[in-house]
Amino acid sequence: MGESSPSNGSDDPLCDLRSRLETENDYMLKLVDTIEPKYYFDQDTVDTLTSEVHQKVDERVKASKRMQKMSVHGKHKLARLDPSTFKTVSQILCDQGLESGGLTEKQSLKRLRRAQKKKAKMSTLHSVALDRASNLDELKHRLSEKIEALKGIRKTPVIQSREERKAKKLAEKKAAKKNKNKGPKVNNEDSTIPGGDLPPKKPVPGKPAPIFNREGKMVFSKFDLADSGIPDTEEKKKAFKSAVARSNQPKKLMHKLEVEAKKLKTLEERDPEQAKELKQKKQWLKAVDKAQGVKVKDDPELLKRSMKRQQKLRQQSQKKWQARVESTTQKQKERQDKRRENIKARKQAKLQTKMKRLKKKGRIIPGF
């Protein structure tokens, strides 16, 4: 027991040193693990890790029958959801055996070359996150290469300056204006032929020529309905209005029919041919009025009925008016009576309040 105590005492500093070094090592590893692998390792190592991820995803897809028809997007999603894909720097170093020195330099070079060959053959999965340049200059170089490639594909025209674009637009406007001014000018004076009038228009084949009556109006049918004896002027409008007004007065219409019947009877006795012609003319006028939408009222029986109906309506209207006048007079009288009563009541109330006030002051003795 006595011999072992000094040796334990001499080993205590070494144990403390080892424990402190292990603590420092763990701390440094944690700090290193905060760095993403794509920034910690060089580009060759990043390419190797990417190819390993590709290979792992492809093996997993091939092993499952259900995932064999998976698209590239699905493979990306599978790689993102796989927890073994996201490793820290220390885990990657442990897997590669670089931390313990398990691989020699030749073995590591061979492994890198093999991974690069696999990556060249495989094009199933492409990770944007891991396939980045290690520094800013390489990123700029890649971006410029992509822009040039896109320009070549798109075949974009040469970019013009603002002044060139303005000058081009102005030239186009001038050319358009010049072409517009060059168009044929049609004037009334120039359009006339010096030899005389314009050449006559050729009739359109297949269309019959229009027919005109003696007044120069176009006739659309066999019968000239427009030739009614009344000119198409203000007089015709007045005649139409007067006809409408007369149609609403059956008494006058009845009187007119009686007068016309007497005239026609006397004319038949004197000149039957002229009477016949007058009858025919009246029939034509009646047809024209009906065609124009005028209601022809020449039936004596119907006119008598309308007269009776109008008389009846007039009597009813008079009765209603009389009743309305009586009711209005009655209501007016009631309102006036009520107003008089209200005025009288107000005066009486004022007098009562005045008397009460005087009694309180003792100016009026009750009972006298």
Protein backbone atom coordinates (compact mmCIF):
# COMPACT_ATOMS: atom_id res chain seq x y z
CA MET A 1 0.00 0.00 0.00
CA GLY A 2 2.82 2.29 0.96
CA GLU A 3 4.60 1.66 -2.38
CA SER A 4 1.58 2.37 -4.51
CA SER A 5 0.79 5.77 -3.00
CA PRO A 6 3.77 7.68 -4.46
CA SER A 7 3.18 6.28 -7.93
CA ASN A 8 -0.51 7.46 -7.77
CA GLY A 9 0.63 10.86 -6.68
CA SER A 10 3.13 11.06 -9.56
CA ASP A 11 0.39 10.04 -12.15
CA ASP A 12 -2.14 12.67 -11.05
CA PRO A 13 -0.68 15.59 -13.13
CA LEU A 14 -0.67 13.45 -16.28
CA CYS A 15 -4.29 12.43 -15.74
CA ASP A 16 -5.29 16.06 -15.26
CA LEU A 17 -3.41 17.06 -18.40
CA ARG A 18 -5.05 14.28 -20.43
CA SER A 19 -8.52 15.17 -19.19
CA ARG A 20 -7.89 18.85 -20.00
CA LEU A 21 -6.63 17.99 -23.46
CA GLU A 22 -9.66 15.77 -24.10
CA THR A 23 -11.95 18.60 -22.99
CA GLU A 24 -10.15 21.06 -25.29
CA ASN A 25 -10.31 18.52 -28.13
CA ASP A 26 -14.05 18.06 -27.67
CA TYR A 27 -14.57 21.82 -27.61
CA MET A 28 -12.52 22.32 -30.77
CA LEU A 29 -14.41 19.51 -32.51
CA LYS A 30 -17.71 21.15 -31.58
CA LEU A 31 -16.47 24.44 -33.00
CA VAL A 32 -15.34 22.70 -36.20
CA ASP A 33 -18.70 20.93 -36.45
CA THR A 34 -20.44 24.31 -36.63
CA ILE A 35 -18.79 24.81 -40.06
CA GLU A 36 -20.62 23.26 -42.99
CA PRO A 37 -18.69 20.52 -44.79
CA LYS A 38 -18.95 22.28 -48.15
CA TYR A 39 -16.96 25.23 -46.71
CA TYR A 40 -14.54 23.17 -44.62
CA PHE A 41 -13.31 20.68 -47.24
CA ASP A 42 -11.78 21.44 -50.61
CA GLN A 43 -13.68 21.00 -53.88
CA ASP A 44 -12.39 17.47 -54.55
CA THR A 45 -13.57 16.23 -51.16
CA VAL A 46 -16.94 17.95 -51.65
CA ASP A 47 -17.27 16.22 -55.05
CA THR A 48 -16.44 12.89 -53.42
CA LEU A 49 -19.09 13.41 -50.71
CA THR A 50 -21.66 14.40 -53.36
CA SER A 51 -20.95 11.29 -55.41
CA GLU A 52 -21.35 9.16 -52.26
CA VAL A 53 -24.74 10.75 -51.59
CA HIS A 54 -25.74 10.05 -55.23
CA GLN A 55 -24.63 6.46 -54.99
CA LYS A 56 -26.44 5.90 -51.70
CA VAL A 57 -29.71 7.34 -53.03
CA ASP A 58 -29.46 5.29 -56.26
CA GLU A 59 -28.85 2.08 -54.31
CA ARG A 60 -31.80 2.78 -52.07
CA VAL A 61 -34.07 3.49 -55.05
CA LYS A 62 -32.95 0.32 -56.87
CA ALA A 63 -33.48 -1.81 -53.75
CA SER A 64 -37.14 -0.73 -53.48
CA LYS A 65 -39.58 -1.77 -56.22
CA ARG A 66 -41.96 0.99 -55.22
CA MET A 67 -39.34 3.75 -55.75
CA GLN A 68 -37.84 2.57 -59.06
CA LYS A 69 -39.89 5.06 -61.11
CA MET A 70 -39.00 7.99 -58.86
CA SER A 71 -38.28 11.31 -60.57
CA VAL A 72 -35.21 13.50 -60.00
CA HIS A 73 -37.28 15.79 -57.76
CA GLY A 74 -38.26 12.78 -55.65
CA LYS A 75 -34.62 11.73 -55.35
CA HIS A 76 -33.69 15.22 -54.15
CA LYS A 77 -36.44 15.05 -51.55
CA LEU A 78 -35.29 11.58 -50.43
CA ALA A 79 -31.72 12.86 -50.03
CA ARG A 80 -32.91 15.85 -47.98
CA LEU A 81 -35.00 13.68 -45.65
CA ASP A 82 -32.26 11.10 -45.07
CA PRO A 83 -30.56 11.89 -41.71
CA SER A 84 -27.38 10.02 -42.70
CA THR A 85 -26.81 12.56 -45.49
CA PHE A 86 -26.31 15.47 -43.08
CA LYS A 87 -23.02 14.74 -41.26
CA THR A 88 -20.73 17.03 -39.35
CA VAL A 89 -17.08 17.58 -40.24
CA SER A 90 -15.86 15.28 -37.45
CA GLN A 91 -18.23 12.49 -38.55
CA ILE A 92 -17.01 12.76 -42.14
CA LEU A 93 -13.39 12.69 -40.98
CA CYS A 94 -14.09 9.60 -38.87
CA ASP A 95 -15.79 7.89 -41.82
CA GLN A 96 -12.92 8.60 -44.17
CA GLY A 97 -10.31 7.47 -41.64
CA LEU A 98 -8.34 10.67 -42.10
CA GLU A 99 -8.42 11.55 -38.42
CA SER A 100 -6.80 8.27 -37.30
CA GLY A 101 -4.51 8.06 -40.30
CA GLY A 102 -6.10 4.76 -41.45
CA LEU A 103 -5.70 5.62 -45.17
CA THR A 104 -2.46 6.39 -46.85
CA GLU A 105 -1.99 9.21 -49.32
CA LYS A 106 -2.05 6.84 -52.32
CA GLN A 107 -5.26 5.17 -51.10
CA SER A 108 -6.97 8.52 -50.61
CA LEU A 109 -5.90 9.66 -54.12
CA LYS A 110 -7.21 6.45 -55.66
CA ARG A 111 -10.48 6.88 -53.81
CA LEU A 112 -10.84 10.43 -55.02
CA ARG A 113 -10.17 9.45 -58.67
CA ARG A 114 -12.69 6.61 -58.42
CA ALA A 115 -15.30 8.99 -57.03
CA GLN A 116 -14.66 11.50 -59.82
CA LYS A 117 -15.09 8.80 -62.47
CA LYS A 118 -18.38 7.70 -60.86
CA LYS A 119 -19.58 11.26 -60.77
CA ALA A 120 -18.81 11.70 -64.49
CA LYS A 121 -20.84 8.58 -65.31
CA MET A 122 -23.78 9.36 -63.00
CA SER A 123 -26.25 12.12 -63.81
CA THR A 124 -29.27 11.02 -61.80
CA LEU A 125 -29.05 13.47 -58.89
CA HIS A 126 -27.56 16.92 -58.80
CA SER A 127 -27.26 18.74 -55.49
CA VAL A 128 -27.03 22.51 -55.84
CA ALA A 129 -26.06 22.87 -52.19
CA LEU A 130 -22.93 20.70 -52.51
CA ASP A 131 -21.96 21.60 -56.10
CA ARG A 132 -20.63 25.09 -55.44
CA ALA A 133 -17.30 26.76 -55.96
CA SER A 134 -14.90 27.03 -53.09
CA ASN A 135 -14.21 30.73 -53.55
CA LEU A 136 -15.82 33.89 -54.95
CA ASP A 137 -13.65 34.14 -58.08
CA GLU A 138 -14.68 30.70 -59.30
CA LEU A 139 -18.36 31.58 -58.69
CA LYS A 140 -18.00 34.75 -60.79
CA HIS A 141 -16.26 32.80 -63.55
CA ARG A 142 -19.06 30.20 -63.59
CA LEU A 143 -21.73 32.90 -63.67
CA SER A 144 -20.13 34.67 -66.63
CA GLU A 145 -19.86 31.34 -68.49
CA LYS A 146 -23.56 30.61 -67.90
CA ILE A 147 -24.57 34.10 -69.08
CA GLU A 148 -22.54 33.70 -72.29
CA ALA A 149 -24.06 30.25 -72.90
CA LEU A 150 -27.60 31.61 -72.40
CA LYS A 151 -26.86 34.53 -74.75
CA GLY A 152 -25.69 32.11 -77.43
CA ILE A 153 -28.83 29.97 -77.06
CA ARG A 154 -31.25 32.92 -77.04
CA LYS A 155 -29.51 34.79 -79.89
CA THR A 156 -30.26 38.18 -78.37
CA PRO A 157 -29.65 41.24 -80.57
CA VAL A 158 -26.91 43.70 -79.83
CA ILE A 159 -27.98 46.10 -77.05
CA GLN A 160 -28.33 49.60 -78.43
CA SER A 161 -27.79 52.80 -76.52
CA ARG A 162 -30.63 55.15 -75.59
CA GLU A 163 -29.69 57.69 -78.29
CA GLU A 164 -29.61 55.00 -80.99
CA ARG A 165 -33.06 53.72 -79.95
CA LYS A 166 -34.45 57.30 -80.04
CA ALA A 167 -32.98 57.94 -83.49
CA LYS A 168 -34.39 54.66 -84.82
CA LYS A 169 -37.88 55.42 -83.47
CA LEU A 170 -37.80 58.94 -84.96
CA ALA A 171 -36.78 57.57 -88.36
CA GLU A 172 -39.65 55.05 -88.25
CA LYS A 173 -42.15 57.83 -87.42
CA LYS A 174 -40.88 59.98 -90.31
CA ALA A 175 -41.13 57.06 -92.74
CA ALA A 176 -44.70 56.32 -91.61
CA LYS A 177 -45.70 59.98 -92.01
CA LYS A 178 -44.12 60.09 -95.48
CA ASN A 179 -46.01 56.98 -96.58
CA LYS A 180 -49.24 58.44 -95.24
CA ASN A 181 -48.78 61.68 -97.19
CA LYS A 182 -48.00 59.74 -100.36
CA GLY A 183 -51.52 58.19 -100.33
CA PRO A 184 -54.11 59.16 -102.99
CA LYS A 185 -55.75 62.55 -102.38
CA VAL A 186 -59.44 62.63 -103.32
CA ASN A 187 -60.89 66.12 -103.82
CA ASN A 188 -64.31 67.08 -105.10
CA GLU A 189 -62.74 69.36 -107.71
CA ASP A 190 -60.18 66.80 -108.93
CA SER A 191 -62.65 63.94 -108.93
CA THR A 192 -64.67 65.46 -111.78
CA ILE A 193 -63.79 64.41 -115.29
CA PRO A 194 -62.87 67.36 -117.52
CA GLY A 195 -64.92 66.01 -120.40
CA GLY A 196 -68.19 66.29 -118.48
CA ASP A 197 -70.00 64.58 -115.61
CA LEU A 198 -69.05 61.35 -113.88
CA PRO A 199 -69.63 58.14 -115.84
CA PRO A 200 -72.96 56.48 -115.02
CA LYS A 201 -72.90 53.69 -112.47
CA LYS A 202 -73.45 50.23 -113.82
CA PRO A 203 -76.58 48.56 -112.45
CA VAL A 204 -75.97 45.69 -110.06
CA PRO A 205 -76.89 42.42 -111.83
CA GLY A 206 -79.65 40.37 -110.24
CA LYS A 207 -81.45 43.39 -108.67
CA PRO A 208 -84.51 44.88 -110.39
CA ALA A 209 -84.55 48.61 -111.04
CA PRO A 210 -86.62 50.63 -108.53
CA ILE A 211 -90.07 51.90 -109.58
CA PHE A 212 -91.07 55.53 -108.90
CA ASN A 213 -94.50 57.12 -109.01
CA ARG A 214 -95.41 60.47 -110.63
CA GLU A 215 -94.23 62.42 -107.57
CA GLY A 216 -90.82 60.81 -107.65
CA LYS A 217 -91.35 58.51 -104.63
CA MET A 218 -90.23 54.92 -104.67
CA VAL A 219 -92.97 52.26 -104.80
CA PHE A 220 -92.24 48.99 -103.02
CA SER A 221 -95.30 47.01 -104.13
CA LYS A 222 -97.92 46.81 -106.86
CA PHE A 223 -100.12 49.34 -105.09
CA ASP A 224 -98.91 52.87 -104.57
CA LEU A 225 -100.00 53.37 -100.96
CA ALA A 226 -98.02 56.58 -100.68
CA ASP A 227 -100.20 58.23 -103.34
CA SER A 228 -103.07 59.02 -101.01
CA GLY A 229 -103.75 62.54 -102.22
CA ILE A 230 -102.11 64.21 -99.21
CA PRO A 231 -98.58 65.58 -99.78
CA ASP A 232 -95.80 64.34 -97.49
CA THR A 233 -95.29 67.65 -95.69
CA GLU A 234 -96.37 69.37 -92.48
CA GLU A 235 -99.94 69.29 -93.75
CA LYS A 236 -99.89 65.50 -93.71
CA LYS A 237 -98.69 65.50 -90.09
CA LYS A 238 -101.42 67.95 -89.13
CA ALA A 239 -104.01 65.83 -90.92
CA PHE A 240 -102.80 62.75 -89.08
CA LYS A 241 -103.01 64.53 -85.70
CA SER A 242 -106.46 65.84 -86.44
CA ALA A 243 -107.58 62.35 -87.47
CA VAL A 244 -106.35 60.94 -84.17
CA ALA A 245 -108.10 63.75 -82.28
CA ARG A 246 -111.35 63.12 -84.18
CA SER A 247 -111.15 59.41 -83.49
CA ASN A 248 -111.48 60.16 -79.78
CA GLN A 249 -114.71 62.17 -80.32
CA PRO A 250 -117.44 59.72 -81.42
CA LYS A 251 -120.15 62.42 -81.49
CA LYS A 252 -118.25 64.46 -84.10
CA LEU A 253 -117.39 61.32 -86.05
CA MET A 254 -121.05 60.32 -86.06
CA HIS A 255 -122.04 63.76 -87.34
CA LYS A 256 -119.35 63.60 -90.03
CA LEU A 257 -120.51 60.15 -91.20
CA GLU A 258 -124.09 61.38 -91.47
CA VAL A 259 -123.02 64.42 -93.51
CA GLU A 260 -120.87 62.28 -95.83
CA ALA A 261 -123.68 59.76 -96.29
CA LYS A 262 -126.07 62.57 -97.31
CA LYS A 263 -123.54 64.01 -99.76
CA LEU A 264 -122.87 60.58 -101.27
CA LYS A 265 -126.61 59.95 -101.65
CA THR A 266 -127.17 63.24 -103.49
CA LEU A 267 -124.11 62.58 -105.68
CA GLU A 268 -125.38 59.11 -106.61
CA GLU A 269 -128.63 60.66 -107.78
CA ARG A 270 -126.78 63.30 -109.82
CA ASP A 271 -123.65 61.45 -111.10
CA PRO A 272 -123.34 57.72 -110.30
CA GLU A 273 -119.82 57.40 -111.86
CA GLN A 274 -118.38 60.19 -109.74
CA ALA A 275 -120.05 58.67 -106.65
CA LYS A 276 -118.46 55.31 -107.43
CA GLU A 277 -115.05 56.95 -107.86
CA LEU A 278 -115.44 58.77 -104.53
CA LYS A 279 -116.36 55.51 -102.77
CA GLN A 280 -113.27 53.81 -104.21
CA LYS A 281 -111.07 56.69 -103.12
CA LYS A 282 -112.46 56.51 -99.57
CA GLN A 283 -111.80 52.79 -99.48
CA TRP A 284 -108.17 53.40 -100.53
CA LEU A 285 -107.76 56.08 -97.86
CA LYS A 286 -109.19 53.69 -95.30
CA ALA A 287 -106.70 50.98 -96.38
CA VAL A 288 -103.81 53.46 -96.17
CA ASP A 289 -104.85 54.56 -92.67
CA LYS A 290 -105.04 50.95 -91.52
CA ALA A 291 -101.62 50.25 -93.03
CA GLN A 292 -100.20 53.23 -91.13
CA GLY A 293 -101.66 51.95 -87.87
CA VAL A 294 -104.51 54.45 -87.59
CA LYS A 295 -107.65 52.99 -86.06
CA VAL A 296 -110.49 53.67 -88.52
CA LYS A 297 -113.82 54.37 -86.81
CA ASP A 298 -116.62 54.39 -89.38
CA ASP A 299 -119.16 51.96 -87.88
CA PRO A 300 -122.25 53.87 -86.63
CA GLU A 301 -123.27 51.16 -84.13
CA LEU A 302 -119.83 51.10 -82.53
CA LEU A 303 -119.76 54.87 -82.43
CA LYS A 304 -123.16 54.94 -80.65
CA ARG A 305 -121.88 52.46 -78.08
CA SER A 306 -118.74 54.52 -77.48
CA MET A 307 -120.90 57.64 -77.12
CA LYS A 308 -123.02 55.90 -74.47
CA ARG A 309 -119.91 54.65 -72.72
CA GLN A 310 -118.37 58.11 -72.71
CA GLN A 311 -121.61 59.59 -71.37
CA LYS A 312 -121.66 57.00 -68.62
CA LEU A 313 -118.01 57.64 -67.74
CA ARG A 314 -118.68 61.38 -67.71
CA GLN A 315 -121.59 60.93 -65.30
CA GLN A 316 -119.51 58.69 -63.05
CA SER A 317 -116.73 61.25 -63.07
CA GLN A 318 -119.16 64.01 -62.15
CA LYS A 319 -120.50 61.93 -59.27
CA LYS A 320 -117.00 61.24 -58.01
CA TRP A 321 -116.10 64.88 -58.28
CA GLN A 322 -119.24 65.94 -56.40
CA ALA A 323 -118.53 63.42 -53.65
CA ARG A 324 -114.95 64.63 -53.45
CA VAL A 325 -116.04 68.27 -53.19
CA GLU A 326 -118.54 67.41 -50.44
CA SER A 327 -116.00 65.39 -48.46
CA THR A 328 -113.40 68.18 -48.82
CA THR A 329 -115.92 70.79 -47.64
CA GLN A 330 -116.93 68.60 -44.69
CA LYS A 331 -113.32 68.01 -43.65
CA GLN A 332 -112.53 71.71 -43.97
CA LYS A 333 -115.52 72.60 -41.79
CA GLU A 334 -114.50 70.03 -39.14
CA ARG A 335 -110.94 71.41 -39.06
CA GLN A 336 -112.18 74.97 -38.70
CA ASP A 337 -114.57 74.00 -35.87
CA LYS A 338 -111.81 72.17 -34.08
CA ARG A 339 -109.51 75.17 -34.44
CA ARG A 340 -112.14 77.49 -32.98
CA GLU A 341 -112.66 75.16 -30.01
CA ASN A 342 -108.91 74.95 -29.39
CA ILE A 343 -108.53 78.74 -29.49
CA LYS A 344 -111.46 79.14 -27.08
CA ALA A 345 -110.02 76.52 -24.69
CA ARG A 346 -106.60 78.27 -24.73
CA LYS A 347 -108.18 81.62 -23.94
CA GLN A 348 -110.17 80.10 -21.07
CA ALA A 349 -107.03 78.42 -19.66
CA LYS A 350 -105.12 81.72 -19.80
CA LEU A 351 -107.95 83.50 -18.01
CA GLN A 352 -108.07 80.86 -15.27
CA THR A 353 -104.32 81.09 -14.61
CA LYS A 354 -104.56 84.88 -14.47
CA MET A 355 -107.43 84.74 -11.96
CA LYS A 356 -105.50 82.30 -9.76
CA ARG A 357 -102.49 84.59 -9.75
CA LEU A 358 -104.63 87.59 -8.78
CA LYS A 359 -106.33 85.63 -5.98
CA LYS A 360 -102.97 84.72 -4.54
CA LYS A 361 -101.89 88.36 -4.52
CA GLY A 362 -105.20 89.33 -2.83
CA ARG A 363 -106.42 91.62 -5.52
CA ILE A 364 -109.59 89.56 -6.02
CA ILE A 365 -111.54 88.44 -2.94
CA PRO A 366 -113.40 85.16 -3.52
CA GLY A 367 -117.20 85.47 -3.16
CA PHE A 368 -117.38 89.07 -4.42
